[in-house]
Amino acid sequence: MINEAVAVFEEVTGKDPVVYEISYLFIPSLAPEALLKETEGLTGTITRLGGSVLQTGDARSIRLAYPMVKSVLNKRSVFDSAFFGWVKFELVPEKVLELKRTLADDEIIIRFLIIRTIKEAPFVPKLQTVKRIPRTVDGKLGKLETREAPEKVDEAELDKELEGLLAG
């Protein structure tokens, strides 16, 4: 009975496309034309596997939080910056492993991550500001007091009053 349930689950999930998002790091030495070509190559790989691209984020240069190592043709390279981009796409789950293998063999990609996500952009509610309620000295809630703006003080008159107080 368990084998039947697993077979049904694999049949149902294997045929319907699922929404994924891939984030990737390209080597930092790419020229702008090559960067565009590699991004198109990545989306082309997805469509070649039967997927459809939903959204893309333009690759931009970033500084990495820590150095990353990539071996290319038995040569070890260390990167401290990269071009970061992402692609949201639909693909049948059975083709994701093939996509991972293709991307792992790509010499231009330092690292990538494929996650399962949703088609719609998530709604992020706007944070509300909290009003502070003033409290009296004893900790009870109080009312806001309105104060009048202080009058302008004539400095010469103030000096005379201070001299009178100090002399007296």
C-alpha atoms as a PDB file:
ATOM      1  CA  MET A   1       0.000   0.000   0.000  1.00  0.00           C
ATOM      2  CA  ILE A   2       2.864   2.392   0.801  1.00  0.00           C
ATOM      3  CA  ASN A   3       4.507   1.631  -2.553  1.00  0.00           C
ATOM      4  CA  GLU A   4       1.247   2.496  -4.309  1.00  0.00           C
ATOM      5  CA  ALA A   5       1.048   5.832  -2.455  1.00  0.00           C
ATOM      6  CA  VAL A   6       4.651   6.665  -3.374  1.00  0.00           C
ATOM      7  CA  ALA A   7       3.995   5.764  -7.014  1.00  0.00           C
ATOM      8  CA  VAL A   8       0.860   7.940  -7.096  1.00  0.00           C
ATOM      9  CA  PHE A   9       2.738  10.828  -5.434  1.00  0.00           C
ATOM     10  CA  GLU A  10       5.616  10.590  -7.925  1.00  0.00           C
ATOM     11  CA  GLU A  11       3.173  10.404 -10.809  1.00  0.00           C
ATOM     12  CA  VAL A  12       1.237  13.478  -9.673  1.00  0.00           C
ATOM     13  CA  THR A  13       4.243  15.610  -8.746  1.00  0.00           C
ATOM     14  CA  GLY A  14       6.400  14.470 -11.642  1.00  0.00           C
ATOM     15  CA  LYS A  15       4.086  15.614 -14.425  1.00  0.00           C
ATOM     16  CA  ASP A  16       2.941  19.017 -13.202  1.00  0.00           C
ATOM     17  CA  PRO A  17       5.398  21.885 -13.490  1.00  0.00           C
ATOM     18  CA  VAL A  18       6.564  23.389 -10.222  1.00  0.00           C
ATOM     19  CA  VAL A  19       7.772  26.955  -9.682  1.00  0.00           C
ATOM     20  CA  TYR A  20      11.451  27.235  -8.785  1.00  0.00           C
ATOM     21  CA  GLU A  21      13.891  30.057  -8.339  1.00  0.00           C
ATOM     22  CA  ILE A  22      17.575  29.786  -9.035  1.00  0.00           C
ATOM     23  CA  SER A  23      20.097  32.260  -7.705  1.00  0.00           C
ATOM     24  CA  TYR A  24      23.569  32.144  -9.177  1.00  0.00           C
ATOM     25  CA  LEU A  25      27.033  33.664  -8.956  1.00  0.00           C
ATOM     26  CA  PHE A  26      28.962  34.181 -12.195  1.00  0.00           C
ATOM     27  CA  ILE A  27      32.726  34.742 -12.203  1.00  0.00           C
ATOM     28  CA  PRO A  28      33.586  38.457 -11.888  1.00  0.00           C
ATOM     29  CA  SER A  29      35.839  38.609 -14.964  1.00  0.00           C
ATOM     30  CA  LEU A  30      32.942  38.467 -17.452  1.00  0.00           C
ATOM     31  CA  ALA A  31      32.550  41.338 -19.905  1.00  0.00           C
ATOM     32  CA  PRO A  32      29.057  42.916 -20.092  1.00  0.00           C
ATOM     33  CA  GLU A  33      28.359  41.184 -23.426  1.00  0.00           C
ATOM     34  CA  ALA A  34      29.461  37.812 -22.054  1.00  0.00           C
ATOM     35  CA  LEU A  35      27.373  38.361 -18.919  1.00  0.00           C
ATOM     36  CA  LEU A  36      24.268  38.872 -21.039  1.00  0.00           C
ATOM     37  CA  LYS A  37      25.151  35.838 -23.160  1.00  0.00           C
ATOM     38  CA  GLU A  38      25.604  33.616 -20.081  1.00  0.00           C
ATOM     39  CA  THR A  39      22.307  34.790 -18.574  1.00  0.00           C
ATOM     40  CA  GLU A  40      20.532  34.013 -21.836  1.00  0.00           C
ATOM     41  CA  GLY A  41      22.304  30.633 -21.887  1.00  0.00           C
ATOM     42  CA  LEU A  42      20.956  29.853 -18.418  1.00  0.00           C
ATOM     43  CA  THR A  43      17.390  30.730 -19.393  1.00  0.00           C
ATOM     44  CA  GLY A  44      17.900  28.804 -22.639  1.00  0.00           C
ATOM     45  CA  THR A  45      18.889  25.711 -20.670  1.00  0.00           C
ATOM     46  CA  ILE A  46      15.672  25.983 -18.661  1.00  0.00           C
ATOM     47  CA  THR A  47      13.518  26.279 -21.784  1.00  0.00           C
ATOM     48  CA  ARG A  48      15.469  23.454 -23.495  1.00  0.00           C
ATOM     49  CA  LEU A  49      14.493  21.204 -20.586  1.00  0.00           C
ATOM     50  CA  GLY A  50      10.821  22.068 -21.140  1.00  0.00           C
ATOM     51  CA  GLY A  51      10.516  24.822 -18.553  1.00  0.00           C
ATOM     52  CA  SER A  52       9.222  28.331 -18.881  1.00  0.00           C
ATOM     53  CA  VAL A  53      10.943  31.435 -17.488  1.00  0.00           C
ATOM     54  CA  LEU A  54       8.643  33.619 -15.362  1.00  0.00           C
ATOM     55  CA  GLN A  55      10.957  36.404 -14.140  1.00  0.00           C
ATOM     56  CA  THR A  56      14.625  37.279 -14.157  1.00  0.00           C
ATOM     57  CA  GLY A  57      16.769  39.559 -12.065  1.00  0.00           C
ATOM     58  CA  ASP A  58      19.595  41.273 -13.906  1.00  0.00           C
ATOM     59  CA  ALA A  59      23.002  40.060 -12.789  1.00  0.00           C
ATOM     60  CA  ARG A  60      24.889  42.735 -10.876  1.00  0.00           C
ATOM     61  CA  SER A  61      28.331  42.860  -9.372  1.00  0.00           C
ATOM     62  CA  ILE A  62      28.506  42.203  -5.624  1.00  0.00           C
ATOM     63  CA  ARG A  63      31.220  41.747  -3.039  1.00  0.00           C
ATOM     64  CA  LEU A  64      31.076  38.275  -1.488  1.00  0.00           C
ATOM     65  CA  ALA A  65      30.841  37.849   2.274  1.00  0.00           C
ATOM     66  CA  TYR A  66      33.714  35.363   2.168  1.00  0.00           C
ATOM     67  CA  PRO A  67      36.078  34.059  -0.530  1.00  0.00           C
ATOM     68  CA  MET A  68      34.698  31.228  -2.662  1.00  0.00           C
ATOM     69  CA  VAL A  69      36.747  28.614  -4.450  1.00  0.00           C
ATOM     70  CA  LYS A  70      35.965  27.138  -7.863  1.00  0.00           C
ATOM     71  CA  SER A  71      38.105  24.562  -9.656  1.00  0.00           C
ATOM     72  CA  VAL A  72      38.145  24.961 -13.421  1.00  0.00           C
ATOM     73  CA  LEU A  73      40.220  22.564 -15.537  1.00  0.00           C
ATOM     74  CA  ASN A  74      42.144  21.443 -12.435  1.00  0.00           C
ATOM     75  CA  LYS A  75      43.002  25.050 -11.630  1.00  0.00           C
ATOM     76  CA  ARG A  76      41.833  26.413  -8.296  1.00  0.00           C
ATOM     77  CA  SER A  77      40.477  29.976  -8.411  1.00  0.00           C
ATOM     78  CA  VAL A  78      39.445  32.074  -5.416  1.00  0.00           C
ATOM     79  CA  PHE A  79      36.786  34.781  -5.852  1.00  0.00           C
ATOM     80  CA  ASP A  80      35.919  37.648  -3.517  1.00  0.00           C
ATOM     81  CA  SER A  81      33.364  39.238  -5.869  1.00  0.00           C
ATOM     82  CA  ALA A  82      30.879  37.906  -8.413  1.00  0.00           C
ATOM     83  CA  PHE A  83      27.894  38.733 -10.570  1.00  0.00           C
ATOM     84  CA  PHE A  84      24.708  37.805  -8.691  1.00  0.00           C
ATOM     85  CA  GLY A  85      21.438  37.157 -10.515  1.00  0.00           C
ATOM     86  CA  TRP A  86      18.290  35.078 -10.256  1.00  0.00           C
ATOM     87  CA  VAL A  87      15.662  33.436 -12.450  1.00  0.00           C
ATOM     88  CA  LYS A  88      12.161  32.296 -11.468  1.00  0.00           C
ATOM     89  CA  PHE A  89      10.870  29.491 -13.674  1.00  0.00           C
ATOM     90  CA  GLU A  90       8.469  26.562 -13.984  1.00  0.00           C
ATOM     91  CA  LEU A  91       9.843  23.099 -14.605  1.00  0.00           C
ATOM     92  CA  VAL A  92       8.783  19.504 -14.181  1.00  0.00           C
ATOM     93  CA  PRO A  93      10.479  18.171 -10.998  1.00  0.00           C
ATOM     94  CA  GLU A  94      12.083  15.236 -12.785  1.00  0.00           C
ATOM     95  CA  LYS A  95      14.097  17.681 -14.943  1.00  0.00           C
ATOM     96  CA  VAL A  96      15.543  19.658 -12.001  1.00  0.00           C
ATOM     97  CA  LEU A  97      18.294  17.100 -11.401  1.00  0.00           C
ATOM     98  CA  GLU A  98      19.379  17.415 -15.033  1.00  0.00           C
ATOM     99  CA  LEU A  99      19.405  21.213 -14.659  1.00  0.00           C
ATOM    100  CA  LYS A 100      21.581  20.904 -11.534  1.00  0.00           C
ATOM    101  CA  ARG A 101      24.060  18.687 -13.356  1.00  0.00           C
ATOM    102  CA  THR A 102      24.258  21.101 -16.284  1.00  0.00           C
ATOM    103  CA  LEU A 103      24.862  24.098 -14.017  1.00  0.00           C
ATOM    104  CA  ALA A 104      27.429  22.256 -11.879  1.00  0.00           C
ATOM    105  CA  ASP A 105      29.519  21.582 -14.992  1.00  0.00           C
ATOM    106  CA  ASP A 106      29.408  25.230 -16.135  1.00  0.00           C
ATOM    107  CA  GLU A 107      32.803  26.892 -15.644  1.00  0.00           C
ATOM    108  CA  ILE A 108      31.278  30.384 -15.458  1.00  0.00           C
ATOM    109  CA  ILE A 109      29.039  29.633 -12.453  1.00  0.00           C
ATOM    110  CA  ILE A 110      30.833  29.817  -9.101  1.00  0.00           C
ATOM    111  CA  ARG A 111      27.826  28.658  -7.109  1.00  0.00           C
ATOM    112  CA  PHE A 112      24.050  28.314  -7.528  1.00  0.00           C
ATOM    113  CA  LEU A 113      21.018  27.482  -5.430  1.00  0.00           C
ATOM    114  CA  ILE A 114      17.665  26.178  -6.644  1.00  0.00           C
ATOM    115  CA  ILE A 115      14.672  26.525  -4.345  1.00  0.00           C
ATOM    116  CA  ARG A 116      10.994  25.748  -4.712  1.00  0.00           C
ATOM    117  CA  THR A 117       8.828  28.876  -4.478  1.00  0.00           C
ATOM    118  CA  ILE A 118       5.449  30.314  -5.471  1.00  0.00           C
ATOM    119  CA  LYS A 119       4.441  31.972  -8.720  1.00  0.00           C
ATOM    120  CA  GLU A 120       3.172  35.218  -7.232  1.00  0.00           C
ATOM    121  CA  ALA A 121       5.428  37.736  -5.579  1.00  0.00           C
ATOM    122  CA  PRO A 122       4.875  37.537  -1.821  1.00  0.00           C
ATOM    123  CA  PHE A 123       2.844  40.354  -0.275  1.00  0.00           C
ATOM    124  CA  VAL A 124       4.852  42.240   2.301  1.00  0.00           C
ATOM    125  CA  PRO A 125       2.622  44.381   4.492  1.00  0.00           C
ATOM    126  CA  LYS A 126       3.736  47.889   5.271  1.00  0.00           C
ATOM    127  CA  LEU A 127       4.838  48.217   8.859  1.00  0.00           C
ATOM    128  CA  GLN A 128       2.727  50.505  10.969  1.00  0.00           C
ATOM    129  CA  THR A 129       4.278  53.049  13.259  1.00  0.00           C
ATOM    130  CA  VAL A 130       3.365  52.824  16.903  1.00  0.00           C
ATOM    131  CA  LYS A 131       2.321  55.994  18.693  1.00  0.00           C
ATOM    132  CA  ARG A 132       3.774  56.408  22.118  1.00  0.00           C
ATOM    133  CA  ILE A 133       1.295  57.405  24.795  1.00  0.00           C
ATOM    134  CA  PRO A 134       2.806  59.748  27.364  1.00  0.00           C
ATOM    135  CA  ARG A 135       2.713  58.690  31.000  1.00  0.00           C
ATOM    136  CA  THR A 136       2.612  60.802  34.119  1.00  0.00           C
ATOM    137  CA  VAL A 137       5.264  60.610  36.821  1.00  0.00           C
ATOM    138  CA  ASP A 138       3.329  57.943  38.743  1.00  0.00           C
ATOM    139  CA  GLY A 139       3.164  55.732  35.593  1.00  0.00           C
ATOM    140  CA  LYS A 140      -0.499  56.305  34.741  1.00  0.00           C
ATOM    141  CA  LEU A 141      -1.541  57.226  31.246  1.00  0.00           C
ATOM    142  CA  GLY A 142      -1.693  60.967  30.809  1.00  0.00           C
ATOM    143  CA  LYS A 143      -2.773  63.509  28.258  1.00  0.00           C
ATOM    144  CA  LEU A 144      -0.497  65.465  26.040  1.00  0.00           C
ATOM    145  CA  GLU A 145       0.122  68.900  27.390  1.00  0.00           C
ATOM    146  CA  THR A 146       0.176  71.789  25.008  1.00  0.00           C
ATOM    147  CA  ARG A 147       2.644  74.499  25.746  1.00  0.00           C
ATOM    148  CA  GLU A 148       2.834  77.918  24.292  1.00  0.00           C
ATOM    149  CA  ALA A 149       5.965  78.952  22.477  1.00  0.00           C
ATOM    150  CA  PRO A 150       8.268  81.042  24.684  1.00  0.00           C
ATOM    151  CA  GLU A 151       8.292  84.767  24.071  1.00  0.00           C
ATOM    152  CA  LYS A 152      11.318  86.344  22.478  1.00  0.00           C
ATOM    153  CA  VAL A 153      13.626  87.707  25.109  1.00  0.00           C
ATOM    154  CA  ASP A 154      15.379  91.030  24.721  1.00  0.00           C
ATOM    155  CA  GLU A 155      18.989  90.387  25.713  1.00  0.00           C
ATOM    156  CA  ALA A 156      19.633  93.975  26.844  1.00  0.00           C
ATOM    157  CA  GLU A 157      16.630  93.841  29.168  1.00  0.00           C
ATOM    158  CA  LEU A 158      17.749  90.463  30.508  1.00  0.00           C
ATOM    159  CA  ASP A 159      21.228  91.829  31.248  1.00  0.00           C
ATOM    160  CA  LYS A 160      19.712  94.743  33.238  1.00  0.00           C
ATOM    161  CA  GLU A 161      17.588  92.382  35.313  1.00  0.00           C
ATOM    162  CA  LEU A 162      20.576  90.114  36.022  1.00  0.00           C
ATOM    163  CA  GLU A 163      22.714  93.102  37.116  1.00  0.00           C
ATOM    164  CA  GLY A 164      19.917  94.248  39.412  1.00  0.00           C
ATOM    165  CA  LEU A 165      19.678  90.813  41.011  1.00  0.00           C
ATOM    166  CA  LEU A 166      23.434  90.465  41.440  1.00  0.00           C
ATOM    167  CA  ALA A 167      23.844  93.984  42.864  1.00  0.00           C
ATOM    168  CA  GLY A 168      20.953  93.703  45.295  1.00  0.00           C
END
